[in-house]
């Protein structure tokens, strides 16, 4: 099999996102493995940076059993966040900009310093300035929201947009806080931060390790999305979405009618 054309694959994914037009899965067709998929992800995000966007953080994906079961993938993954993906708390998105958008409640960390390569976060407060409730809007560029592990990695782990609620000091415990996802005032999902690798702080360890494997180091001031605490819910026109995390507060967004 010929070596995958990383730039060409990134272009296909970038065009799919830009025009909100789904494409078939690529990994089997072009022979993507995990390492090559991360190379595609890097090229895909570089296209955004070349157009004027800037990196503002990293996100974890598939950190809960609910998410793994929902998409049929069983390995933790990571992706990149740019400033153009950020939506103000309470802000509005247009579902027409996406293919099949879904929302999920998360926990966000604000990094206080640059971790060293391979460093485990022993004193969490020494590395994290603040914590906040968050919402991630995911939007796979593949038809029917169906993909293999290399497919979703290449697609920047379905990253599309994110909202971060008010920042607050890191509490003593993060391992088992109640989480709600509300849509139009009704509870759509109930979960716990324990669903995020047993403790969201472990997601930061995983992010450091996995991204570092590909030469990516987290930076001071970056946002780090630890992963979803529940399965994702489709985002419909006119919907009002709110994530509630015990002790941390709320984050919200609206979908244009």
Protein backbone atom coordinates (compact mmCIF):
# COMPACT_ATOMS: atom_id res chain seq x y z
CA UNK A 1 0.00 0.00 0.00
CA UNK A 2 1.29 3.45 -0.88
CA UNK A 3 2.27 5.82 1.93
CA UNK A 4 -0.72 8.01 2.88
CA UNK A 5 -0.65 11.56 1.52
CA UNK A 6 -0.92 13.49 4.79
CA UNK A 7 -1.48 16.89 3.20
CA UNK A 8 -4.19 15.59 0.87
CA UNK A 9 -6.06 13.86 3.70
CA UNK A 10 -5.88 17.01 5.84
CA UNK A 11 -7.25 19.01 2.92
CA UNK A 12 -10.22 16.65 2.54
CA UNK A 13 -11.03 16.93 6.23
CA UNK A 14 -10.54 20.69 6.23
CA UNK A 15 -12.85 21.14 3.26
CA UNK A 16 -15.47 18.92 4.89
CA UNK A 17 -15.45 21.10 8.00
CA UNK A 18 -15.41 24.36 6.06
CA UNK A 19 -18.39 23.40 3.90
CA UNK A 20 -20.22 21.33 6.56
CA UNK A 21 -20.31 18.39 4.16
CA UNK A 22 -19.72 14.86 5.47
CA UNK A 23 -17.20 12.57 3.82
CA UNK A 24 -16.73 8.76 4.01
CA UNK A 25 -14.29 7.28 6.50
CA UNK A 26 -10.71 7.54 5.28
CA UNK A 27 -8.51 5.28 7.38
CA UNK A 28 -9.24 1.99 5.64
CA UNK A 29 -9.14 3.60 2.21
CA UNK A 30 -5.79 5.34 2.60
CA UNK A 31 -4.12 3.07 5.15
CA UNK A 32 -3.98 5.30 8.24
CA UNK A 33 -2.49 4.03 11.46
CA UNK A 34 -2.55 5.97 14.73
CA UNK A 35 0.82 7.68 14.27
CA UNK A 36 0.00 8.79 10.74
CA UNK A 37 -3.43 9.94 11.90
CA UNK A 38 -1.81 12.29 14.43
CA UNK A 39 0.39 13.61 11.62
CA UNK A 40 -2.78 14.32 9.62
CA UNK A 41 -4.29 16.05 12.65
CA UNK A 42 -1.21 18.27 12.90
CA UNK A 43 -1.47 19.19 9.22
CA UNK A 44 -5.21 19.80 9.55
CA UNK A 45 -4.76 22.20 12.46
CA UNK A 46 -1.81 23.86 10.72
CA UNK A 47 -4.21 24.81 7.91
CA UNK A 48 -6.22 26.73 10.50
CA UNK A 49 -3.11 28.37 11.93
CA UNK A 50 -2.01 29.40 8.45
CA UNK A 51 -5.36 31.18 8.05
CA UNK A 52 -4.75 33.26 11.18
CA UNK A 53 -6.03 31.14 14.05
CA UNK A 54 -3.84 30.38 17.06
CA UNK A 55 -3.54 27.44 19.41
CA UNK A 56 -5.14 27.99 22.81
CA UNK A 57 -5.15 24.51 24.29
CA UNK A 58 -5.66 20.78 24.06
CA UNK A 59 -8.64 18.49 24.57
CA UNK A 60 -8.98 14.89 25.56
CA UNK A 61 -11.37 12.53 23.85
CA UNK A 62 -12.98 9.22 24.77
CA UNK A 63 -12.07 9.53 28.45
CA UNK A 64 -15.34 7.96 29.61
CA UNK A 65 -16.84 4.53 29.04
CA UNK A 66 -20.04 6.25 27.88
CA UNK A 67 -18.18 8.05 25.09
CA UNK A 68 -16.23 4.97 24.08
CA UNK A 69 -19.43 2.95 23.84
CA UNK A 70 -21.22 5.74 21.96
CA UNK A 71 -18.70 5.89 19.13
CA UNK A 72 -17.34 2.35 19.24
CA UNK A 73 -13.73 3.31 20.04
CA UNK A 74 -11.75 2.17 23.09
CA UNK A 75 -8.61 4.31 23.43
CA UNK A 76 -8.10 7.75 24.98
CA UNK A 77 -7.10 10.34 22.40
CA UNK A 78 -6.21 14.04 22.27
CA UNK A 79 -6.72 16.97 19.94
CA UNK A 80 -5.98 20.64 19.57
CA UNK A 81 -8.06 23.76 20.31
CA UNK A 82 -7.81 27.09 18.48
CA UNK A 83 -9.14 30.52 19.42
CA UNK A 84 -11.71 30.37 16.61
CA UNK A 85 -13.32 27.34 18.28
CA UNK A 86 -14.04 29.22 21.50
CA UNK A 87 -17.60 30.47 22.06
CA UNK A 88 -18.25 32.94 24.91
CA UNK A 89 -20.15 31.57 27.88
CA UNK A 90 -23.83 32.04 27.01
CA UNK A 91 -22.92 32.64 23.36
CA UNK A 92 -24.74 31.47 20.23
CA UNK A 93 -23.72 29.01 17.52
CA UNK A 94 -25.39 28.26 14.20
CA UNK A 95 -25.99 24.56 13.66
CA UNK A 96 -25.80 25.20 9.91
CA UNK A 97 -22.05 25.67 10.38
CA UNK A 98 -21.71 22.02 11.37
CA UNK A 99 -22.56 18.61 9.94
CA UNK A 100 -24.11 16.81 12.91
CA UNK A 101 -23.20 18.78 16.05
CA UNK A 102 -23.41 17.25 19.51
CA UNK A 103 -22.75 18.75 22.94
CA UNK A 104 -21.29 17.26 26.08
CA UNK A 105 -20.41 18.54 29.59
CA UNK A 106 -16.75 18.78 30.53
CA UNK A 107 -14.28 20.08 33.08
CA UNK A 108 -11.73 22.65 31.91
CA UNK A 109 -8.35 23.47 33.45
CA UNK A 110 -6.35 26.67 33.03
CA UNK A 111 -2.65 25.82 33.00
CA UNK A 112 -0.46 27.94 35.26
CA UNK A 113 2.94 26.85 34.04
CA UNK A 114 4.65 24.92 31.32
CA UNK A 115 4.91 21.25 32.38
CA UNK A 116 8.13 19.44 31.62
CA UNK A 117 8.15 16.64 29.03
CA UNK A 118 7.07 13.39 30.64
CA UNK A 119 6.21 15.10 33.90
CA UNK A 120 3.37 13.69 35.97
CA UNK A 121 1.36 16.34 37.75
CA UNK A 122 2.22 15.55 41.36
CA UNK A 123 1.12 18.80 42.96
CA UNK A 124 -1.91 19.58 40.85
CA UNK A 125 -2.31 23.14 42.11
CA UNK A 126 1.25 23.88 41.06
CA UNK A 127 0.38 23.23 37.42
CA UNK A 128 -3.26 24.34 37.23
CA UNK A 129 -4.32 27.94 37.94
CA UNK A 130 -8.06 27.40 37.88
CA UNK A 131 -10.88 25.03 36.96
CA UNK A 132 -14.25 25.63 35.26
CA UNK A 133 -17.34 23.88 33.94
CA UNK A 134 -17.30 23.60 30.16
CA UNK A 135 -19.24 22.43 27.12
CA UNK A 136 -17.62 20.89 24.08
CA UNK A 137 -19.41 20.91 20.75
CA UNK A 138 -18.18 17.97 18.72
CA UNK A 139 -18.85 17.42 15.04
CA UNK A 140 -17.33 14.46 13.24
CA UNK A 141 -16.66 15.21 9.60
CA UNK A 142 -17.50 11.60 8.71
CA UNK A 143 -20.89 10.44 7.46
CA UNK A 144 -23.24 9.10 10.14
CA UNK A 145 -20.81 10.13 12.89
CA UNK A 146 -19.11 6.77 12.38
CA UNK A 147 -15.34 6.26 12.39
CA UNK A 148 -12.37 4.14 13.41
CA UNK A 149 -9.74 5.26 15.91
CA UNK A 150 -7.34 6.61 13.23
CA UNK A 151 -10.25 8.35 11.50
CA UNK A 152 -11.28 10.34 14.58
CA UNK A 153 -7.69 11.20 15.51
CA UNK A 154 -7.04 12.56 12.01
CA UNK A 155 -10.25 14.61 12.30
CA UNK A 156 -8.80 16.40 15.37
CA UNK A 157 -10.97 14.23 17.63
CA UNK A 158 -14.17 15.78 16.22
CA UNK A 159 -13.30 19.16 17.79
CA UNK A 160 -15.58 21.95 16.60
CA UNK A 161 -16.29 24.48 19.38
CA UNK A 162 -16.13 24.87 23.14
CA UNK A 163 -17.47 27.05 25.94
CA UNK A 164 -15.76 27.64 29.27
CA UNK A 165 -17.74 28.87 32.27
CA UNK A 166 -16.38 31.02 35.12
CA UNK A 167 -12.96 30.05 36.41
CA UNK A 168 -12.58 29.25 40.10
CA UNK A 169 -9.80 27.96 42.39
CA UNK A 170 -9.18 24.23 42.21
CA UNK A 171 -11.25 22.53 44.95
CA UNK A 172 -9.85 19.85 47.23
CA UNK A 173 -11.73 17.11 45.41
CA UNK A 174 -12.55 16.69 41.72
CA UNK A 175 -12.93 12.94 41.56
CA UNK A 176 -16.68 12.57 42.06
CA UNK A 177 -18.59 15.79 41.41
CA UNK A 178 -22.11 15.58 40.04
CA UNK A 179 -22.60 16.66 36.42
CA UNK A 180 -25.78 17.56 34.55
CA UNK A 181 -26.35 18.42 30.91
CA UNK A 182 -29.56 20.38 30.44
CA UNK A 183 -31.26 21.10 27.12
CA UNK A 184 -34.12 23.62 27.12
CA UNK A 185 -34.31 23.43 30.90
CA UNK A 186 -34.66 19.66 31.02
CA UNK A 187 -32.01 17.21 32.18
CA UNK A 188 -30.66 15.36 29.14
CA UNK A 189 -27.70 13.59 30.77
CA UNK A 190 -26.61 12.88 34.35
CA UNK A 191 -23.07 11.92 35.24
CA UNK A 192 -20.06 12.42 37.47
CA UNK A 193 -16.54 13.70 37.03
CA UNK A 194 -15.53 10.18 38.06
CA UNK A 195 -16.45 9.15 34.52
CA UNK A 196 -13.41 11.12 33.30
CA UNK A 197 -10.73 8.46 33.84
CA UNK A 198 -11.88 8.13 37.47
CA UNK A 199 -10.67 11.69 38.19
CA UNK A 200 -10.33 14.60 35.69
CA UNK A 201 -6.82 15.25 36.99
CA UNK A 202 -5.73 11.96 35.45
CA UNK A 203 -6.75 13.33 32.07
CA UNK A 204 -4.06 15.99 32.39
CA UNK A 205 -1.46 13.31 33.09
CA UNK A 206 -2.66 11.44 30.01
CA UNK A 207 -2.63 14.61 27.90
CA UNK A 208 0.94 15.37 28.91
CA UNK A 209 2.03 11.84 28.10
CA UNK A 210 0.17 11.34 24.84
CA UNK A 211 0.78 14.76 23.32
CA UNK A 212 4.42 14.63 24.43
CA UNK A 213 4.82 11.43 22.46
CA UNK A 214 4.28 13.53 19.33
CA UNK A 215 6.42 16.46 20.43
CA UNK A 216 3.55 18.67 21.61
CA UNK A 217 4.05 20.41 24.96
CA UNK A 218 1.27 22.09 26.89
CA UNK A 219 1.78 25.82 27.42
CA UNK A 220 1.18 28.29 30.21
CA UNK A 221 -2.23 29.92 29.84
CA UNK A 222 -3.68 27.14 27.69
CA UNK A 223 -7.12 25.67 28.25
CA UNK A 224 -7.22 21.92 28.79
CA UNK A 225 -10.52 20.10 28.31
CA UNK A 226 -10.36 16.94 30.40
CA UNK A 227 -13.04 15.02 28.52
CA UNK A 228 -16.77 14.41 28.64
CA UNK A 229 -18.52 13.27 31.81
CA UNK A 230 -21.53 11.88 29.88
CA UNK A 231 -22.49 10.77 26.40
CA UNK A 232 -23.01 13.57 23.88
CA UNK A 233 -26.44 14.92 22.90
CA UNK A 234 -27.39 16.16 19.40
CA UNK A 235 -27.64 19.97 19.17
CA UNK A 236 -30.84 21.17 17.52
CA UNK A 237 -31.79 24.58 16.19
CA UNK A 238 -33.01 26.93 18.92
CA UNK A 239 -31.78 24.73 21.78
CA UNK A 240 -30.55 26.23 25.04
CA UNK A 241 -27.79 24.10 26.57
CA UNK A 242 -26.36 24.27 30.06
CA UNK A 243 -23.67 22.16 31.75
CA UNK A 244 -23.77 22.08 35.54
CA UNK A 245 -20.80 20.78 37.54
CA UNK A 246 -21.12 20.48 41.30
CA UNK A 247 -18.99 23.07 43.15
CA UNK A 248 -17.81 24.60 39.86
CA UNK A 249 -20.99 26.22 38.50
CA UNK A 250 -22.39 26.33 34.99
CA UNK A 251 -21.49 26.94 31.34
CA UNK A 252 -24.05 27.55 28.62
CA UNK A 253 -24.60 28.10 24.92
CA UNK A 254 -27.52 28.67 22.54
CA UNK A 255 -28.19 27.34 19.09
CA UNK A 256 -29.58 29.90 16.68
CA UNK A 257 -33.20 29.25 15.68
